[in-house]
């Protein structure tokens, strides 16, 4: 089975409370596609931008997550936080959760 990446957001300000996408890689194009689609999923379009709840995006230091242009786009609709490099205390539990999510998603797809 080929590898794949799952991008996701769990937040009360996202339509339905959560939004996930499955991609066959984790490059910057796939990540920015997810960011654009996530922005569409945000609720409260009737409120002025200054009064909307903004999700907090907690990202690792993957190169696809960084870059001045990407940060400018993300910061318009979310609060962006990066976990410190080499922070096993934070990275370990996050990777454990994604491992469970991937294990449950993988059987639902024969080919990505």
C-alpha atoms as a PDB file:
ATOM      1  CA  UNK A   1       0.000   0.000   0.000  1.00  0.00           C
ATOM      2  CA  UNK A   2       1.380   3.410  -0.956  1.00  0.00           C
ATOM      3  CA  UNK A   3       1.952   6.023   1.689  1.00  0.00           C
ATOM      4  CA  UNK A   4      -0.401   8.940   2.123  1.00  0.00           C
ATOM      5  CA  UNK A   5      -0.898  12.025   4.254  1.00  0.00           C
ATOM      6  CA  UNK A   6      -3.936  13.190   6.145  1.00  0.00           C
ATOM      7  CA  UNK A   7      -4.399  16.865   6.835  1.00  0.00           C
ATOM      8  CA  UNK A   8      -6.989  17.723   9.431  1.00  0.00           C
ATOM      9  CA  UNK A   9      -8.498  20.308  11.704  1.00  0.00           C
ATOM     10  CA  UNK A  10     -10.738  19.790  14.722  1.00  0.00           C
ATOM     11  CA  UNK A  11     -12.269  23.045  15.896  1.00  0.00           C
ATOM     12  CA  UNK A  12     -15.658  24.429  16.934  1.00  0.00           C
ATOM     13  CA  UNK A  13     -15.296  27.215  14.359  1.00  0.00           C
ATOM     14  CA  UNK A  14     -15.102  24.716  11.478  1.00  0.00           C
ATOM     15  CA  UNK A  15     -18.315  23.598   9.828  1.00  0.00           C
ATOM     16  CA  UNK A  16     -19.261  20.240  11.372  1.00  0.00           C
ATOM     17  CA  UNK A  17     -16.526  20.536  14.021  1.00  0.00           C
ATOM     18  CA  UNK A  18     -13.828  18.875  11.922  1.00  0.00           C
ATOM     19  CA  UNK A  19     -12.373  18.847   8.423  1.00  0.00           C
ATOM     20  CA  UNK A  20      -9.970  16.273   6.953  1.00  0.00           C
ATOM     21  CA  UNK A  21      -8.390  15.611   3.568  1.00  0.00           C
ATOM     22  CA  UNK A  22      -6.340  12.666   2.304  1.00  0.00           C
ATOM     23  CA  UNK A  23      -3.416  13.353  -0.039  1.00  0.00           C
ATOM     24  CA  UNK A  24      -0.787  11.127  -1.590  1.00  0.00           C
ATOM     25  CA  UNK A  25       2.021  13.375  -0.375  1.00  0.00           C
ATOM     26  CA  UNK A  26       2.776  16.182   2.030  1.00  0.00           C
ATOM     27  CA  UNK A  27       4.286  18.756  -0.308  1.00  0.00           C
ATOM     28  CA  UNK A  28       3.591  22.485  -0.178  1.00  0.00           C
ATOM     29  CA  UNK A  29       1.008  22.379  -2.988  1.00  0.00           C
ATOM     30  CA  UNK A  30      -1.101  19.743  -1.209  1.00  0.00           C
ATOM     31  CA  UNK A  31      -0.761  21.602   2.069  1.00  0.00           C
ATOM     32  CA  UNK A  32      -1.876  24.902   0.552  1.00  0.00           C
ATOM     33  CA  UNK A  33      -4.804  23.180  -1.178  1.00  0.00           C
ATOM     34  CA  UNK A  34      -5.841  21.953   2.251  1.00  0.00           C
ATOM     35  CA  UNK A  35      -5.454  25.461   3.717  1.00  0.00           C
ATOM     36  CA  UNK A  36      -7.641  26.981   0.975  1.00  0.00           C
ATOM     37  CA  UNK A  37     -10.287  24.297   1.467  1.00  0.00           C
ATOM     38  CA  UNK A  38     -10.143  24.684   5.250  1.00  0.00           C
ATOM     39  CA  UNK A  39     -10.726  28.410   4.914  1.00  0.00           C
ATOM     40  CA  UNK A  40     -13.952  27.656   3.012  1.00  0.00           C
ATOM     41  CA  UNK A  41     -15.071  25.338   5.848  1.00  0.00           C
ATOM     42  CA  UNK A  42     -14.875  28.075   8.477  1.00  0.00           C
ATOM     43  CA  UNK A  43     -18.239  29.157   9.766  1.00  0.00           C
ATOM     44  CA  UNK A  44     -19.515  32.622  10.738  1.00  0.00           C
ATOM     45  CA  UNK A  45     -19.310  34.242   7.275  1.00  0.00           C
ATOM     46  CA  UNK A  46     -21.865  36.842   8.390  1.00  0.00           C
ATOM     47  CA  UNK A  47     -19.539  38.265  11.055  1.00  0.00           C
ATOM     48  CA  UNK A  48     -16.872  40.849  10.261  1.00  0.00           C
ATOM     49  CA  UNK A  49     -13.416  39.290   9.942  1.00  0.00           C
ATOM     50  CA  UNK A  50     -12.275  40.989  13.156  1.00  0.00           C
ATOM     51  CA  UNK A  51     -15.018  39.223  15.203  1.00  0.00           C
ATOM     52  CA  UNK A  52     -14.746  35.705  13.754  1.00  0.00           C
ATOM     53  CA  UNK A  53     -13.240  32.884  15.754  1.00  0.00           C
ATOM     54  CA  UNK A  54      -9.979  31.821  14.200  1.00  0.00           C
ATOM     55  CA  UNK A  55      -8.737  28.265  14.584  1.00  0.00           C
ATOM     56  CA  UNK A  56      -5.295  27.718  16.051  1.00  0.00           C
ATOM     57  CA  UNK A  57      -3.156  25.765  13.601  1.00  0.00           C
ATOM     58  CA  UNK A  58      -0.494  23.773  15.430  1.00  0.00           C
ATOM     59  CA  UNK A  59       2.097  22.685  12.895  1.00  0.00           C
ATOM     60  CA  UNK A  60       5.376  20.854  13.014  1.00  0.00           C
ATOM     61  CA  UNK A  61       8.386  22.242  11.215  1.00  0.00           C
ATOM     62  CA  UNK A  62       7.844  20.361   7.967  1.00  0.00           C
ATOM     63  CA  UNK A  63       9.213  22.454   5.140  1.00  0.00           C
ATOM     64  CA  UNK A  64       5.813  22.380   3.374  1.00  0.00           C
ATOM     65  CA  UNK A  65       4.313  24.254   6.355  1.00  0.00           C
ATOM     66  CA  UNK A  66       6.776  27.106   6.236  1.00  0.00           C
ATOM     67  CA  UNK A  67       7.488  29.975   3.888  1.00  0.00           C
ATOM     68  CA  UNK A  68       6.592  33.651   3.995  1.00  0.00           C
ATOM     69  CA  UNK A  69       3.774  33.409   1.428  1.00  0.00           C
ATOM     70  CA  UNK A  70       2.180  30.415   3.139  1.00  0.00           C
ATOM     71  CA  UNK A  71       2.325  32.099   6.540  1.00  0.00           C
ATOM     72  CA  UNK A  72       0.716  35.265   5.202  1.00  0.00           C
ATOM     73  CA  UNK A  73      -2.164  33.269   3.732  1.00  0.00           C
ATOM     74  CA  UNK A  74      -2.676  31.153   6.859  1.00  0.00           C
ATOM     75  CA  UNK A  75      -2.509  34.071   9.282  1.00  0.00           C
ATOM     76  CA  UNK A  76      -5.423  35.785   7.523  1.00  0.00           C
ATOM     77  CA  UNK A  77      -7.874  33.174   8.818  1.00  0.00           C
ATOM     78  CA  UNK A  78      -6.032  31.277  11.580  1.00  0.00           C
ATOM     79  CA  UNK A  79      -3.608  31.646  14.445  1.00  0.00           C
ATOM     80  CA  UNK A  80      -0.454  29.787  13.413  1.00  0.00           C
ATOM     81  CA  UNK A  81       1.757  28.123  16.029  1.00  0.00           C
ATOM     82  CA  UNK A  82       4.758  25.890  15.349  1.00  0.00           C
ATOM     83  CA  UNK A  83       5.863  23.280  17.847  1.00  0.00           C
ATOM     84  CA  UNK A  84       9.520  23.606  18.803  1.00  0.00           C
ATOM     85  CA  UNK A  85      11.989  21.576  16.763  1.00  0.00           C
ATOM     86  CA  UNK A  86      12.968  18.257  18.329  1.00  0.00           C
ATOM     87  CA  UNK A  87      10.163  18.394  20.900  1.00  0.00           C
ATOM     88  CA  UNK A  88       9.534  14.710  21.520  1.00  0.00           C
ATOM     89  CA  UNK A  89       7.015  15.492  24.277  1.00  0.00           C
ATOM     90  CA  UNK A  90       4.723  17.157  21.717  1.00  0.00           C
ATOM     91  CA  UNK A  91       5.583  15.287  18.534  1.00  0.00           C
ATOM     92  CA  UNK A  92       5.184  11.795  20.036  1.00  0.00           C
ATOM     93  CA  UNK A  93       1.504  12.083  21.057  1.00  0.00           C
ATOM     94  CA  UNK A  94       0.604  13.891  17.814  1.00  0.00           C
ATOM     95  CA  UNK A  95       2.186  11.159  15.688  1.00  0.00           C
ATOM     96  CA  UNK A  96       0.428   8.482  17.794  1.00  0.00           C
ATOM     97  CA  UNK A  97      -2.959  10.066  17.058  1.00  0.00           C
ATOM     98  CA  UNK A  98      -2.225  10.364  13.325  1.00  0.00           C
ATOM     99  CA  UNK A  99      -1.080   6.738  13.296  1.00  0.00           C
ATOM    100  CA  UNK A 100      -4.504   5.643  14.595  1.00  0.00           C
ATOM    101  CA  UNK A 101      -6.324   7.908  12.129  1.00  0.00           C
ATOM    102  CA  UNK A 102      -4.277   6.577   9.198  1.00  0.00           C
ATOM    103  CA  UNK A 103      -4.802   2.971  10.295  1.00  0.00           C
ATOM    104  CA  UNK A 104      -8.566   3.515  10.307  1.00  0.00           C
ATOM    105  CA  UNK A 105      -8.595   5.418   6.998  1.00  0.00           C
ATOM    106  CA  UNK A 106      -6.285   3.100   5.029  1.00  0.00           C
ATOM    107  CA  UNK A 107      -8.789   0.190   4.751  1.00  0.00           C
ATOM    108  CA  UNK A 108     -11.396   2.535   3.254  1.00  0.00           C
ATOM    109  CA  UNK A 109      -9.208   3.248   0.207  1.00  0.00           C
ATOM    110  CA  UNK A 110      -7.938   0.629  -2.200  1.00  0.00           C
ATOM    111  CA  UNK A 111      -5.763   3.131  -4.037  1.00  0.00           C
ATOM    112  CA  UNK A 112      -5.054   6.782  -3.345  1.00  0.00           C
END
